[in-house]
Amino acid sequence: MPLFRRRSAQASDQIDNETPAGVDGSTSDDAAEAPARGPFDSSQVTELGGRVDLGAIWFPAVRGMELRMEADKKTRRITGAACAIQGSGLQVQAFAAPRTAGIWDTIREEIGASVTKQGGAVDDIPGPFGRELLARLPVKTKDGKSGFRPARFVGVDGPRWFLRGVITGRAAVEPEQAKLVEAVFANIVVVRDEAARPPRDLLSMHMPGQPEESKIAPVDGPAPTARELDPLTRGPEIAEIQ
């Protein structure tokens, strides 16, 4: 299995028109001139370039975007980041992975089985980042009726890391709306520390701009791994920046 998946330039087309911006709203020429293929390893990108430092993930900041951090209810450790922009959402998490093989194929099968078990449906299809899952997630409507919410599960195997994204809202069903969200995902930088970690161990994240020592401390056991995370639920929102 190849360590990297080839990705088309489609995912970064929108960057030319929607340049990642800093938290203060200023645009970044560095991010606009980034290579067409991503997400990136920290060895490929040495400066933030319009991204927000979240520890294991440098997240591209786009004008008008709302960024929220998510935490595990039991351990209170940060488990991921989610953004909302133009009626679409993107939730991302970064995990440790083996040196010689990717884990997206296996995780994709597990997500599909989980969605199906809970009454949803999935299609395994090609996408701008390789194979992805187009899912119909079971939900309850406001009047108590059963319904479905569309979502796209995307994943990229990097050098000793794996990045998973969940795309919801308009970008899950409208190709034109998907371009901006795909560009954000494609311009993420993953910062893998040198610590020995088992595959699927969540990489350490922290609040925007804070050092790793300032992240929320665990209160009961280690952070969850990919096997323990329910793909149909999201963690509590604990912070927001615009």
Protein backbone atom coordinates (compact mmCIF):
# COMPACT_ATOMS: atom_id res chain seq x y z
CA MET A 1 0.00 0.00 0.00
CA PRO A 2 1.50 3.40 -0.92
CA LEU A 3 2.36 5.72 1.93
CA PHE A 4 0.81 8.71 0.18
CA ARG A 5 -2.34 8.83 -1.92
CA ARG A 6 -2.27 10.90 -5.09
CA ARG A 7 -4.73 13.78 -5.02
CA SER A 8 -5.95 15.92 -7.87
CA ALA A 9 -5.46 19.68 -7.99
CA GLN A 10 -9.26 20.09 -7.76
CA ALA A 11 -9.07 20.21 -3.98
CA SER A 12 -6.91 23.35 -4.08
CA ASP A 13 -8.47 25.20 -7.02
CA GLN A 14 -10.50 27.40 -4.69
CA ILE A 15 -7.41 28.60 -2.82
CA ASP A 16 -6.63 30.99 -5.67
CA ASN A 17 -9.96 32.72 -5.10
CA GLU A 18 -10.44 32.10 -1.36
CA THR A 19 -6.95 32.64 0.04
CA PRO A 20 -6.57 31.36 3.62
CA ALA A 21 -6.62 34.31 5.96
CA GLY A 22 -5.22 34.90 9.40
CA VAL A 23 -7.49 35.13 12.43
CA ASP A 24 -7.40 38.89 12.04
CA GLY A 25 -8.84 38.57 8.53
CA SER A 26 -5.65 39.43 6.64
CA THR A 27 -4.84 37.30 3.60
CA SER A 28 -1.71 35.18 3.29
CA ASP A 29 0.32 35.10 0.08
CA ASP A 30 2.29 32.15 1.48
CA ALA A 31 -0.82 29.97 1.72
CA ALA A 32 -2.06 31.09 -1.69
CA GLU A 33 1.22 30.00 -3.26
CA ALA A 34 1.27 26.62 -1.51
CA PRO A 35 1.76 23.54 -3.71
CA ALA A 36 -1.39 22.12 -5.26
CA ARG A 37 -1.28 18.84 -3.38
CA GLY A 38 -2.07 18.43 0.30
CA PRO A 39 -2.65 17.93 3.20
CA PHE A 40 1.00 18.47 4.02
CA ASP A 41 3.54 17.13 6.46
CA SER A 42 5.34 19.70 8.62
CA SER A 43 8.56 18.80 6.79
CA GLN A 44 7.04 20.38 3.67
CA VAL A 45 5.79 23.62 5.25
CA THR A 46 8.03 25.57 7.62
CA GLU A 47 5.79 28.59 8.34
CA LEU A 48 2.15 28.90 9.41
CA GLY A 49 1.33 30.96 6.30
CA GLY A 50 -2.19 32.02 7.28
CA ARG A 51 -2.89 28.90 9.32
CA VAL A 52 -3.87 28.59 13.00
CA ASP A 53 -1.53 26.57 15.23
CA LEU A 54 -3.58 23.84 16.95
CA GLY A 55 -0.64 21.61 17.84
CA ALA A 56 -0.75 18.49 15.68
CA ILE A 57 -2.73 20.40 13.05
CA TRP A 58 -2.08 23.78 11.45
CA PHE A 59 -5.55 24.74 10.27
CA PRO A 60 -6.03 27.14 7.32
CA ALA A 61 -7.98 30.24 8.33
CA VAL A 62 -10.39 31.65 5.75
CA ARG A 63 -12.25 34.93 6.11
CA GLY A 64 -15.74 34.33 7.53
CA MET A 65 -14.88 30.90 8.94
CA GLU A 66 -15.91 29.83 12.45
CA LEU A 67 -13.42 27.46 14.08
CA ARG A 68 -14.30 25.32 17.10
CA MET A 69 -12.24 22.90 19.16
CA GLU A 70 -13.73 19.60 20.31
CA ALA A 71 -12.95 17.60 23.46
CA ASP A 72 -13.64 14.12 24.78
CA LYS A 73 -16.31 14.24 27.49
CA LYS A 74 -14.52 11.82 29.82
CA THR A 75 -10.89 12.89 29.51
CA ARG A 76 -11.50 16.57 28.61
CA ARG A 77 -8.64 16.30 26.13
CA ILE A 78 -8.94 18.04 22.80
CA THR A 79 -9.76 15.49 20.12
CA GLY A 80 -10.28 17.53 16.98
CA ALA A 81 -11.20 20.78 15.29
CA ALA A 82 -14.26 21.77 13.30
CA CYS A 83 -15.01 24.74 11.10
CA ALA A 84 -18.18 26.15 9.59
CA ILE A 85 -18.12 28.27 6.44
CA GLN A 86 -20.75 29.23 3.87
CA GLY A 87 -23.26 26.62 4.99
CA SER A 88 -20.75 23.77 5.12
CA GLY A 89 -18.79 22.07 7.88
CA LEU A 90 -15.44 20.29 8.17
CA GLN A 91 -14.33 18.28 11.20
CA VAL A 92 -10.76 16.96 11.33
CA GLN A 93 -8.68 14.67 13.53
CA ALA A 94 -5.05 13.54 13.24
CA PHE A 95 -3.76 10.13 14.34
CA ALA A 96 -0.47 8.28 14.57
CA ALA A 97 0.10 5.68 11.85
CA PRO A 98 2.70 3.01 11.00
CA ARG A 99 5.85 3.96 9.14
CA THR A 100 5.32 1.61 6.23
CA ALA A 101 1.57 1.32 5.63
CA GLY A 102 -1.53 3.50 5.61
CA ILE A 103 -4.63 2.86 7.72
CA TRP A 104 -7.35 4.69 5.75
CA ASP A 105 -8.52 1.56 3.91
CA THR A 106 -9.20 -0.23 7.19
CA ILE A 107 -10.71 2.78 8.94
CA ARG A 108 -12.95 3.43 5.93
CA GLU A 109 -14.35 -0.10 6.20
CA GLU A 110 -14.95 0.34 9.93
CA ILE A 111 -16.74 3.66 9.46
CA GLY A 112 -18.92 2.15 6.75
CA ALA A 113 -19.83 -0.78 8.98
CA SER A 114 -20.63 1.58 11.89
CA VAL A 115 -22.86 3.82 9.76
CA THR A 116 -24.70 0.83 8.31
CA LYS A 117 -25.18 -0.76 11.74
CA GLN A 118 -26.83 2.44 13.01
CA GLY A 119 -29.29 2.53 10.12
CA GLY A 120 -27.43 4.69 7.63
CA ALA A 121 -25.99 3.98 4.21
CA VAL A 122 -22.57 4.53 2.60
CA ASP A 123 -21.02 4.48 -0.86
CA ASP A 124 -17.26 4.01 -1.25
CA ILE A 125 -16.35 6.31 -4.15
CA PRO A 126 -13.29 8.04 -5.65
CA GLY A 127 -12.72 11.65 -4.62
CA PRO A 128 -10.10 14.41 -4.77
CA PHE A 129 -8.15 12.80 -1.89
CA GLY A 130 -8.48 9.19 -3.04
CA ARG A 131 -11.24 6.83 -1.89
CA GLU A 132 -13.87 8.42 0.34
CA LEU A 133 -17.22 7.53 1.85
CA LEU A 134 -20.42 9.31 0.86
CA ALA A 135 -22.75 8.61 3.76
CA ARG A 136 -26.35 9.16 4.77
CA LEU A 137 -26.23 9.44 8.56
CA PRO A 138 -29.40 8.63 10.53
CA VAL A 139 -30.78 11.57 12.53
CA LYS A 140 -33.95 12.61 14.32
CA THR A 141 -35.80 15.63 12.97
CA LYS A 142 -37.17 18.36 15.21
CA ASP A 143 -40.60 16.73 15.15
CA GLY A 144 -39.16 13.38 16.22
CA LYS A 145 -39.23 11.70 12.82
CA SER A 146 -36.33 9.72 11.40
CA GLY A 147 -34.24 11.33 8.70
CA PHE A 148 -30.80 11.32 7.14
CA ARG A 149 -27.93 13.81 7.03
CA PRO A 150 -25.42 13.62 4.16
CA ALA A 151 -21.71 13.52 5.03
CA ARG A 152 -18.43 12.79 3.28
CA PHE A 153 -15.65 10.96 5.11
CA VAL A 154 -12.22 11.72 3.61
CA GLY A 155 -8.82 10.49 4.73
CA VAL A 156 -5.15 10.89 3.88
CA ASP A 157 -2.25 8.65 4.94
CA GLY A 158 0.92 10.66 5.61
CA PRO A 159 4.38 9.84 6.99
CA ARG A 160 3.56 8.25 10.37
CA TRP A 161 0.24 10.07 10.55
CA PHE A 162 -3.31 9.80 9.28
CA LEU A 163 -5.70 12.73 8.82
CA ARG A 164 -9.46 12.18 8.76
CA GLY A 165 -12.03 14.73 7.70
CA VAL A 166 -15.84 14.77 7.82
CA ILE A 167 -17.53 17.17 5.40
CA THR A 168 -21.14 18.12 6.09
CA GLY A 169 -23.70 20.65 4.95
CA ARG A 170 -23.82 21.99 1.41
CA ALA A 171 -20.30 20.79 0.62
CA ALA A 172 -21.43 17.19 1.15
CA VAL A 173 -23.86 17.34 -1.78
CA GLU A 174 -23.01 20.37 -3.94
CA PRO A 175 -19.75 20.12 -5.96
CA GLU A 176 -19.32 23.88 -6.31
CA GLN A 177 -19.74 24.43 -2.58
CA ALA A 178 -17.33 21.57 -1.88
CA LYS A 179 -14.39 23.33 -3.55
CA LEU A 180 -13.69 25.73 -0.70
CA VAL A 181 -13.98 23.07 2.02
CA GLU A 182 -11.78 20.70 0.02
CA ALA A 183 -9.23 23.51 -0.36
CA VAL A 184 -9.20 24.03 3.41
CA PHE A 185 -8.62 20.32 4.01
CA ALA A 186 -5.94 20.21 1.30
CA ASN A 187 -4.01 23.04 2.96
CA ILE A 188 -3.90 21.51 6.45
CA VAL A 189 -0.41 20.82 7.80
CA VAL A 190 0.03 17.83 10.14
CA VAL A 191 2.74 18.14 12.78
CA ARG A 192 3.72 14.65 13.94
CA ASP A 193 5.82 14.64 17.12
CA GLU A 194 8.71 12.20 17.57
CA ALA A 195 7.09 10.29 20.44
CA ALA A 196 6.55 6.58 19.96
CA ARG A 197 2.81 6.12 19.51
CA PRO A 198 0.66 3.12 18.66
CA PRO A 199 -1.28 3.33 15.39
CA ARG A 200 -4.53 5.30 15.72
CA ASP A 201 -3.37 7.19 18.79
CA LEU A 202 -4.73 10.73 18.60
CA LEU A 203 -2.00 13.28 18.03
CA SER A 204 -1.86 16.02 20.66
CA MET A 205 -3.78 19.20 19.91
CA HIS A 206 -4.24 22.40 21.87
CA MET A 207 -6.21 25.62 21.85
CA PRO A 208 -5.37 28.09 19.07
CA GLY A 209 -1.85 29.46 19.45
CA GLN A 210 -1.20 27.89 22.85
CA PRO A 211 1.75 25.56 23.53
CA GLU A 212 1.11 21.87 24.06
CA GLU A 213 1.55 22.24 27.81
CA SER A 214 -1.53 24.48 27.87
CA LYS A 215 -3.93 21.93 26.41
CA ILE A 216 -6.76 20.68 28.58
CA ALA A 217 -5.34 18.10 30.96
CA PRO A 218 -6.82 14.60 31.02
CA VAL A 219 -8.78 13.73 34.15
CA ASP A 220 -9.50 10.05 33.61
CA GLY A 221 -7.27 7.92 31.41
CA PRO A 222 -5.68 8.49 28.01
CA ALA A 223 -7.19 10.19 25.02
CA PRO A 224 -9.45 7.98 22.87
CA THR A 225 -8.12 6.25 19.78
CA ALA A 226 -9.77 6.01 16.37
CA ARG A 227 -11.32 2.66 17.34
CA GLU A 228 -13.20 4.31 20.20
CA LEU A 229 -14.49 7.34 18.34
CA ASP A 230 -18.05 7.26 17.04
CA PRO A 231 -18.07 8.71 13.51
CA LEU A 232 -21.69 9.78 13.90
CA THR A 233 -21.14 12.04 16.91
CA ARG A 234 -19.01 15.09 17.54
CA GLY A 235 -17.40 16.22 20.74
CA PRO A 236 -18.52 19.18 22.84
CA GLU A 237 -17.53 22.57 21.45
CA ILE A 238 -15.19 24.26 23.90
CA ALA A 239 -13.86 27.26 22.04
CA GLU A 240 -14.62 29.40 19.04
CA ILE A 241 -12.64 31.91 16.98
CA GLN A 242 -13.71 33.87 13.92
